[in-house]
Amino acid sequence: MTYFELMVKYLESLKGKATYERTFRVANQWILQQTETPTRALIIERHRAKGGGDCQPGCQQANKELAIQRAAFRWGLYHEIWDGGDPTVGIRKWKTKHRKRVAKFLEVRAVLDFFDFAKSDRDIRNRALFGIVLLTGCRPSE
């Protein structure tokens, strides 16, 4: 099996999952453009060129590309369809900035308290949807 075939099969295994579109979009930029299996040196070179360093512009994109390749290689090894090894072993991800908190705990509590007074069918539906998203940590697409 070639590198390109492995990547395509891995992406096909993600169809129907919430991460499929984002993963395909990231993989299409460089990973799916490779015809031969990239060497460890080529992967490191791409990672450095894309990321530039810890907390630098592009570091999250570089980490995503590395994570996709790492997952695909390990997926192929696990399913015994890839015997080329994992050239991403030992390559460290760039450090990234922490996300900024969008809502404080008291603000979330105020939203939940507001829904306690839901009377109409639409308000009850909204309370249920927001409750599921907030209390389970789901993404809206899920």
N, C-alpha and C. Protein backbone atom coordinates (compact mmCIF):
# COMPACT_ATOMS: atom_id res chain seq x y z
N MET A 1 0.85 -1.17 0.00
CA MET A 1 0.00 0.00 0.00
C MET A 1 0.90 1.24 0.00
N THR A 2 0.52 2.22 -0.79
CA THR A 2 1.29 3.45 -0.87
C THR A 2 0.83 4.43 0.21
N TYR A 3 1.63 5.45 0.40
CA TYR A 3 1.33 6.49 1.38
C TYR A 3 0.00 7.18 1.04
N PHE A 4 -0.17 7.52 -0.24
CA PHE A 4 -1.40 8.19 -0.66
C PHE A 4 -2.62 7.31 -0.40
N GLU A 5 -2.53 6.03 -0.72
CA GLU A 5 -3.65 5.11 -0.48
C GLU A 5 -3.97 5.00 1.00
N LEU A 6 -2.92 4.97 1.85
CA LEU A 6 -3.14 4.92 3.30
C LEU A 6 -3.90 6.15 3.77
N MET A 7 -3.47 7.32 3.32
CA MET A 7 -4.13 8.55 3.75
C MET A 7 -5.58 8.60 3.29
N VAL A 8 -5.84 8.16 2.07
CA VAL A 8 -7.21 8.16 1.55
C VAL A 8 -8.07 7.19 2.35
N LYS A 9 -7.55 5.99 2.62
CA LYS A 9 -8.33 5.02 3.41
C LYS A 9 -8.59 5.53 4.82
N TYR A 10 -7.59 6.18 5.42
CA TYR A 10 -7.79 6.72 6.76
C TYR A 10 -8.87 7.79 6.75
N LEU A 11 -8.82 8.68 5.77
CA LEU A 11 -9.84 9.73 5.67
C LEU A 11 -11.22 9.14 5.40
N GLU A 12 -11.29 8.08 4.61
CA GLU A 12 -12.58 7.42 4.37
C GLU A 12 -13.13 6.80 5.64
N SER A 13 -12.24 6.36 6.53
CA SER A 13 -12.70 5.77 7.79
C SER A 13 -13.32 6.82 8.71
N LEU A 14 -13.04 8.09 8.44
CA LEU A 14 -13.59 9.18 9.26
C LEU A 14 -14.93 9.69 8.76
N LYS A 15 -15.36 9.23 7.58
CA LYS A 15 -16.63 9.73 7.02
C LYS A 15 -17.76 9.49 8.01
N GLY A 16 -18.61 10.49 8.14
CA GLY A 16 -19.73 10.40 9.06
C GLY A 16 -19.41 10.92 10.45
N LYS A 17 -18.14 11.22 10.71
CA LYS A 17 -17.75 11.76 12.02
C LYS A 17 -17.64 13.28 11.92
N ALA A 18 -17.73 13.93 13.05
CA ALA A 18 -17.71 15.40 13.09
C ALA A 18 -16.39 15.97 12.61
N THR A 19 -15.30 15.23 12.74
CA THR A 19 -13.99 15.76 12.38
C THR A 19 -13.62 15.54 10.92
N TYR A 20 -14.46 14.87 10.16
CA TYR A 20 -14.10 14.50 8.79
C TYR A 20 -13.79 15.71 7.92
N GLU A 21 -14.67 16.69 7.88
CA GLU A 21 -14.48 17.84 6.98
C GLU A 21 -13.22 18.63 7.32
N ARG A 22 -13.00 18.89 8.60
CA ARG A 22 -11.81 19.65 9.00
C ARG A 22 -10.55 18.85 8.68
N THR A 23 -10.56 17.57 8.96
CA THR A 23 -9.40 16.72 8.71
C THR A 23 -9.10 16.66 7.22
N PHE A 24 -10.12 16.50 6.40
CA PHE A 24 -9.93 16.44 4.95
C PHE A 24 -9.37 17.76 4.43
N ARG A 25 -9.89 18.87 4.93
CA ARG A 25 -9.44 20.20 4.49
C ARG A 25 -7.96 20.40 4.83
N VAL A 26 -7.56 20.01 6.02
CA VAL A 26 -6.15 20.15 6.43
C VAL A 26 -5.26 19.20 5.62
N ALA A 27 -5.71 17.96 5.44
CA ALA A 27 -4.91 16.97 4.72
C ALA A 27 -4.76 17.34 3.25
N ASN A 28 -5.74 17.98 2.69
CA ASN A 28 -5.71 18.32 1.26
C ASN A 28 -4.64 19.37 0.94
N GLN A 29 -4.20 20.13 1.91
CA GLN A 29 -3.24 21.20 1.66
C GLN A 29 -1.83 20.69 1.38
N TRP A 30 -1.41 19.62 2.03
CA TRP A 30 -0.06 19.11 1.82
C TRP A 30 0.00 17.59 1.82
N ILE A 31 -0.68 16.97 2.76
CA ILE A 31 -0.56 15.52 2.95
C ILE A 31 -1.00 14.76 1.70
N LEU A 32 -2.13 15.12 1.13
CA LEU A 32 -2.64 14.41 -0.05
C LEU A 32 -1.92 14.80 -1.33
N GLN A 33 -1.03 15.79 -1.26
CA GLN A 33 -0.25 16.20 -2.43
C GLN A 33 1.01 15.34 -2.59
N GLN A 34 1.36 14.58 -1.57
CA GLN A 34 2.58 13.76 -1.60
C GLN A 34 2.30 12.46 -2.35
N THR A 35 3.17 12.13 -3.30
CA THR A 35 3.00 10.88 -4.05
C THR A 35 3.79 9.74 -3.40
N GLU A 36 4.88 10.07 -2.75
CA GLU A 36 5.69 9.06 -2.08
C GLU A 36 5.64 9.28 -0.58
N THR A 37 5.97 8.26 0.17
CA THR A 37 5.97 8.38 1.62
C THR A 37 7.02 9.40 2.04
N PRO A 38 6.61 10.45 2.74
CA PRO A 38 7.60 11.45 3.16
C PRO A 38 8.52 10.87 4.23
N THR A 39 9.77 11.23 4.15
CA THR A 39 10.74 10.77 5.14
C THR A 39 10.54 11.58 6.42
N ARG A 40 11.15 11.11 7.46
CA ARG A 40 11.09 11.81 8.74
C ARG A 40 11.65 13.23 8.59
N ALA A 41 12.74 13.36 7.85
CA ALA A 41 13.35 14.68 7.64
C ALA A 41 12.40 15.62 6.89
N LEU A 42 11.68 15.10 5.92
CA LEU A 42 10.73 15.93 5.16
C LEU A 42 9.55 16.36 6.04
N ILE A 43 9.09 15.46 6.89
CA ILE A 43 7.98 15.80 7.79
C ILE A 43 8.43 16.88 8.78
N ILE A 44 9.64 16.73 9.32
CA ILE A 44 10.17 17.74 10.25
C ILE A 44 10.35 19.07 9.55
N GLU A 45 10.85 19.04 8.33
CA GLU A 45 11.05 20.27 7.57
C GLU A 45 9.70 20.97 7.32
N ARG A 46 8.68 20.21 6.95
CA ARG A 46 7.35 20.80 6.74
C ARG A 46 6.79 21.36 8.05
N HIS A 47 6.98 20.61 9.14
CA HIS A 47 6.48 21.03 10.45
C HIS A 47 7.13 22.35 10.87
N ARG A 48 8.43 22.48 10.64
CA ARG A 48 9.13 23.72 11.00
C ARG A 48 8.73 24.88 10.07
N ALA A 49 8.58 24.59 8.80
CA ALA A 49 8.22 25.64 7.86
C ALA A 49 6.81 26.15 8.11
N LYS A 50 5.91 25.25 8.42
CA LYS A 50 4.51 25.63 8.64
C LYS A 50 4.33 26.30 9.99
N GLY A 51 5.00 25.79 11.03
CA GLY A 51 4.77 26.28 12.38
C GLY A 51 5.66 27.41 12.81
N GLY A 52 6.91 27.35 12.48
CA GLY A 52 7.82 28.43 12.82
C GLY A 52 8.32 28.43 14.26
N GLY A 53 7.69 27.73 15.16
CA GLY A 53 8.13 27.69 16.55
C GLY A 53 6.97 27.71 17.51
N ASP A 54 7.29 27.59 18.79
CA ASP A 54 6.26 27.59 19.82
C ASP A 54 5.50 28.91 19.83
N CYS A 55 4.18 28.81 19.88
CA CYS A 55 3.27 29.98 19.96
C CYS A 55 3.43 30.95 18.80
N GLN A 56 3.93 30.50 17.68
CA GLN A 56 4.10 31.34 16.50
C GLN A 56 2.91 31.14 15.55
N PRO A 57 2.69 32.09 14.64
CA PRO A 57 1.61 31.89 13.66
C PRO A 57 1.83 30.62 12.85
N GLY A 58 0.80 29.84 12.69
CA GLY A 58 0.88 28.60 11.93
C GLY A 58 1.19 27.37 12.74
N CYS A 59 1.50 27.54 14.04
CA CYS A 59 1.89 26.37 14.83
C CYS A 59 0.71 25.41 15.02
N GLN A 60 -0.50 25.93 15.15
CA GLN A 60 -1.65 25.04 15.31
C GLN A 60 -1.91 24.26 14.03
N GLN A 61 -1.76 24.90 12.89
CA GLN A 61 -1.94 24.22 11.60
C GLN A 61 -0.88 23.13 11.43
N ALA A 62 0.36 23.43 11.80
CA ALA A 62 1.43 22.44 11.71
C ALA A 62 1.14 21.25 12.63
N ASN A 63 0.63 21.53 13.83
CA ASN A 63 0.29 20.46 14.76
C ASN A 63 -0.84 19.59 14.21
N LYS A 64 -1.81 20.21 13.54
CA LYS A 64 -2.91 19.44 12.96
C LYS A 64 -2.40 18.50 11.87
N GLU A 65 -1.53 19.01 11.00
CA GLU A 65 -0.97 18.16 9.95
C GLU A 65 -0.20 16.99 10.54
N LEU A 66 0.60 17.27 11.54
CA LEU A 66 1.38 16.21 12.18
C LEU A 66 0.46 15.19 12.84
N ALA A 67 -0.58 15.66 13.50
CA ALA A 67 -1.52 14.76 14.18
C ALA A 67 -2.25 13.87 13.19
N ILE A 68 -2.63 14.40 12.04
CA ILE A 68 -3.32 13.60 11.03
C ILE A 68 -2.40 12.51 10.51
N GLN A 69 -1.17 12.87 10.20
CA GLN A 69 -0.23 11.86 9.71
C GLN A 69 0.04 10.80 10.77
N ARG A 70 0.24 11.24 11.98
CA ARG A 70 0.51 10.30 13.07
C ARG A 70 -0.66 9.33 13.25
N ALA A 71 -1.88 9.88 13.23
CA ALA A 71 -3.07 9.04 13.40
C ALA A 71 -3.22 8.08 12.23
N ALA A 72 -2.96 8.53 11.03
CA ALA A 72 -3.10 7.66 9.85
C ALA A 72 -2.09 6.52 9.89
N PHE A 73 -0.84 6.82 10.22
CA PHE A 73 0.16 5.76 10.30
C PHE A 73 -0.21 4.73 11.36
N ARG A 74 -0.60 5.21 12.51
CA ARG A 74 -0.95 4.28 13.59
C ARG A 74 -2.22 3.51 13.28
N TRP A 75 -3.17 4.17 12.60
CA TRP A 75 -4.39 3.48 12.18
C TRP A 75 -4.04 2.36 11.21
N GLY A 76 -3.15 2.65 10.25
CA GLY A 76 -2.73 1.64 9.27
C GLY A 76 -1.98 0.49 9.91
N LEU A 77 -1.13 0.80 10.89
CA LEU A 77 -0.41 -0.27 11.60
C LEU A 77 -1.38 -1.14 12.40
N TYR A 78 -2.35 -0.51 13.05
CA TYR A 78 -3.32 -1.24 13.86
C TYR A 78 -4.16 -2.17 13.00
N HIS A 79 -4.57 -1.69 11.83
CA HIS A 79 -5.42 -2.50 10.95
C HIS A 79 -4.61 -3.39 10.01
N GLU A 80 -3.30 -3.40 10.20
CA GLU A 80 -2.38 -4.25 9.45
C GLU A 80 -2.47 -4.06 7.95
N ILE A 81 -2.65 -2.81 7.53
CA ILE A 81 -2.64 -2.51 6.11
C ILE A 81 -1.43 -1.64 5.74
N TRP A 82 -0.64 -1.25 6.73
CA TRP A 82 0.54 -0.42 6.52
C TRP A 82 1.71 -1.06 7.23
N ASP A 83 2.80 -1.28 6.49
CA ASP A 83 3.98 -1.88 7.11
C ASP A 83 5.21 -0.98 6.97
N GLY A 84 4.98 0.29 6.65
CA GLY A 84 6.09 1.22 6.45
C GLY A 84 6.59 1.89 7.70
N GLY A 85 6.03 1.57 8.85
CA GLY A 85 6.47 2.20 10.09
C GLY A 85 5.83 3.57 10.27
N ASP A 86 6.23 4.25 11.33
CA ASP A 86 5.68 5.55 11.65
C ASP A 86 6.81 6.58 11.72
N PRO A 87 7.03 7.37 10.65
CA PRO A 87 8.11 8.34 10.67
C PRO A 87 7.84 9.56 11.56
N THR A 88 6.65 9.64 12.14
CA THR A 88 6.33 10.79 12.99
C THR A 88 6.72 10.56 14.45
N VAL A 89 7.21 9.38 14.78
CA VAL A 89 7.58 9.08 16.16
C VAL A 89 8.69 10.02 16.60
N GLY A 90 8.48 10.64 17.75
CA GLY A 90 9.49 11.51 18.33
C GLY A 90 9.43 12.95 17.87
N ILE A 91 8.59 13.27 16.91
CA ILE A 91 8.45 14.66 16.48
C ILE A 91 7.49 15.34 17.45
N ARG A 92 7.95 16.40 18.07
CA ARG A 92 7.15 17.09 19.08
C ARG A 92 6.28 18.15 18.44
N LYS A 93 5.09 18.29 18.99
CA LYS A 93 4.19 19.35 18.55
C LYS A 93 4.70 20.69 19.07
N TRP A 94 4.32 21.76 18.38
CA TRP A 94 4.62 23.10 18.87
C TRP A 94 3.70 23.43 20.04
N LYS A 95 4.21 24.20 20.97
CA LYS A 95 3.35 24.68 22.05
C LYS A 95 2.45 25.77 21.49
N THR A 96 1.21 25.80 21.95
CA THR A 96 0.26 26.79 21.45
C THR A 96 -0.29 27.62 22.60
N LYS A 97 -0.84 28.76 22.26
CA LYS A 97 -1.44 29.62 23.28
C LYS A 97 -2.70 28.95 23.81
N HIS A 98 -2.98 29.20 25.07
CA HIS A 98 -4.19 28.66 25.67
C HIS A 98 -5.39 29.44 25.19
N ARG A 99 -6.52 28.76 25.10
CA ARG A 99 -7.73 29.43 24.67
C ARG A 99 -8.23 30.40 25.72
N LYS A 100 -8.82 31.46 25.24
CA LYS A 100 -9.39 32.45 26.14
C LYS A 100 -10.76 31.96 26.58
N ARG A 101 -11.07 32.12 27.84
CA ARG A 101 -12.37 31.70 28.35
C ARG A 101 -13.44 32.64 27.80
N VAL A 102 -14.48 32.07 27.23
CA VAL A 102 -15.52 32.87 26.59
C VAL A 102 -16.56 33.31 27.61
N ALA A 103 -16.99 32.41 28.45
CA ALA A 103 -18.02 32.73 29.44
C ALA A 103 -17.53 32.32 30.83
N LYS A 104 -17.82 33.14 31.79
CA LYS A 104 -17.47 32.81 33.17
C LYS A 104 -18.54 31.88 33.73
N PHE A 105 -18.19 31.19 34.78
CA PHE A 105 -19.11 30.22 35.36
C PHE A 105 -20.42 30.87 35.80
N LEU A 106 -20.34 32.09 36.32
CA LEU A 106 -21.56 32.78 36.75
C LEU A 106 -22.46 33.13 35.56
N GLU A 107 -21.84 33.44 34.42
CA GLU A 107 -22.62 33.75 33.23
C GLU A 107 -23.35 32.51 32.71
N VAL A 108 -22.69 31.38 32.74
CA VAL A 108 -23.33 30.12 32.33
C VAL A 108 -24.48 29.80 33.29
N ARG A 109 -24.24 30.00 34.56
CA ARG A 109 -25.30 29.77 35.56
C ARG A 109 -26.49 30.69 35.31
N ALA A 110 -26.25 31.94 34.93
CA ALA A 110 -27.34 32.89 34.64
C ALA A 110 -28.15 32.42 33.44
N VAL A 111 -27.48 31.88 32.42
CA VAL A 111 -28.21 31.36 31.25
C VAL A 111 -29.08 30.18 31.66
N LEU A 112 -28.54 29.28 32.46
CA LEU A 112 -29.33 28.12 32.90
C LEU A 112 -30.49 28.55 33.78
N ASP A 113 -30.27 29.54 34.65
CA ASP A 113 -31.36 30.04 35.49
C ASP A 113 -32.45 30.70 34.65
N PHE A 114 -32.05 31.39 33.58
CA PHE A 114 -33.02 32.02 32.70
C PHE A 114 -33.96 30.98 32.09
N PHE A 115 -33.40 29.82 31.75
CA PHE A 115 -34.22 28.78 31.13
C PHE A 115 -35.16 28.10 32.12
N ASP A 116 -34.97 28.31 33.42
CA ASP A 116 -35.91 27.76 34.40
C ASP A 116 -37.31 28.35 34.23
N PHE A 117 -37.38 29.54 33.64
CA PHE A 117 -38.66 30.22 33.49
C PHE A 117 -39.26 30.02 32.10
N ALA A 118 -38.82 29.02 31.37
CA ALA A 118 -39.33 28.77 30.02
C ALA A 118 -40.79 28.33 30.09
N LYS A 119 -41.61 28.98 29.30
CA LYS A 119 -43.05 28.66 29.27
C LYS A 119 -43.50 28.16 27.91
N SER A 120 -43.06 28.81 26.84
CA SER A 120 -43.53 28.42 25.51
C SER A 120 -42.78 27.19 25.02
N ASP A 121 -43.32 26.56 23.99
CA ASP A 121 -42.68 25.36 23.43
C ASP A 121 -41.29 25.68 22.88
N ARG A 122 -41.15 26.84 22.25
CA ARG A 122 -39.86 27.24 21.69
C ARG A 122 -38.82 27.44 22.79
N ASP A 123 -39.21 28.09 23.90
CA ASP A 123 -38.29 28.29 25.02
C ASP A 123 -37.89 26.97 25.66
N ILE A 124 -38.83 26.06 25.75
CA ILE A 124 -38.53 24.74 26.33
C ILE A 124 -37.57 23.97 25.43
N ARG A 125 -37.79 24.06 24.11
CA ARG A 125 -36.88 23.41 23.16
C ARG A 125 -35.49 24.01 23.26
N ASN A 126 -35.39 25.33 23.30
CA ASN A 126 -34.10 26.00 23.41
C ASN A 126 -33.39 25.63 24.71
N ARG A 127 -34.15 25.53 25.78
CA ARG A 127 -33.57 25.13 27.06
C ARG A 127 -32.97 23.73 26.95
N ALA A 128 -33.68 22.82 26.31
CA ALA A 128 -33.18 21.46 26.16
C ALA A 128 -31.90 21.42 25.31
N LEU A 129 -31.90 22.14 24.19
CA LEU A 129 -30.73 22.14 23.31
C LEU A 129 -29.51 22.78 23.98
N PHE A 130 -29.70 23.93 24.60
CA PHE A 130 -28.58 24.59 25.29
C PHE A 130 -28.11 23.73 26.47
N GLY A 131 -29.03 23.10 27.15
CA GLY A 131 -28.65 22.25 28.28
C GLY A 131 -27.79 21.09 27.84
N ILE A 132 -28.16 20.46 26.74
CA ILE A 132 -27.37 19.34 26.23
C ILE A 132 -25.97 19.80 25.85
N VAL A 133 -25.88 20.90 25.11
CA VAL A 133 -24.57 21.40 24.67
C VAL A 133 -23.71 21.82 25.86
N LEU A 134 -24.29 22.56 26.80
CA LEU A 134 -23.51 23.06 27.93
C LEU A 134 -23.10 21.96 28.91
N LEU A 135 -24.00 21.06 29.19
CA LEU A 135 -23.72 20.08 30.24
C LEU A 135 -22.95 18.85 29.75
N THR A 136 -22.95 18.60 28.46
CA THR A 136 -22.21 17.44 27.95
C THR A 136 -20.93 17.81 27.24
N GLY A 137 -20.77 19.10 26.92
CA GLY A 137 -19.57 19.53 26.22
C GLY A 137 -19.61 19.23 24.73
N CYS A 138 -20.78 18.98 24.19
CA CYS A 138 -20.92 18.70 22.77
C CYS A 138 -20.67 19.96 21.95
N ARG A 139 -20.27 19.72 20.72
CA ARG A 139 -20.20 20.82 19.76
C ARG A 139 -21.58 20.97 19.13
N PRO A 140 -21.92 22.16 18.65
CA PRO A 140 -23.22 22.32 18.00
C PRO A 140 -23.43 21.38 16.82
N SER A 141 -22.37 21.01 16.08
CA SER A 141 -22.53 20.11 14.94
C SER A 141 -22.85 18.68 15.37
N GLU A 142 -22.55 18.35 16.60
CA GLU A 142 -22.81 16.99 17.07
C GLU A 142 -24.23 16.87 17.58
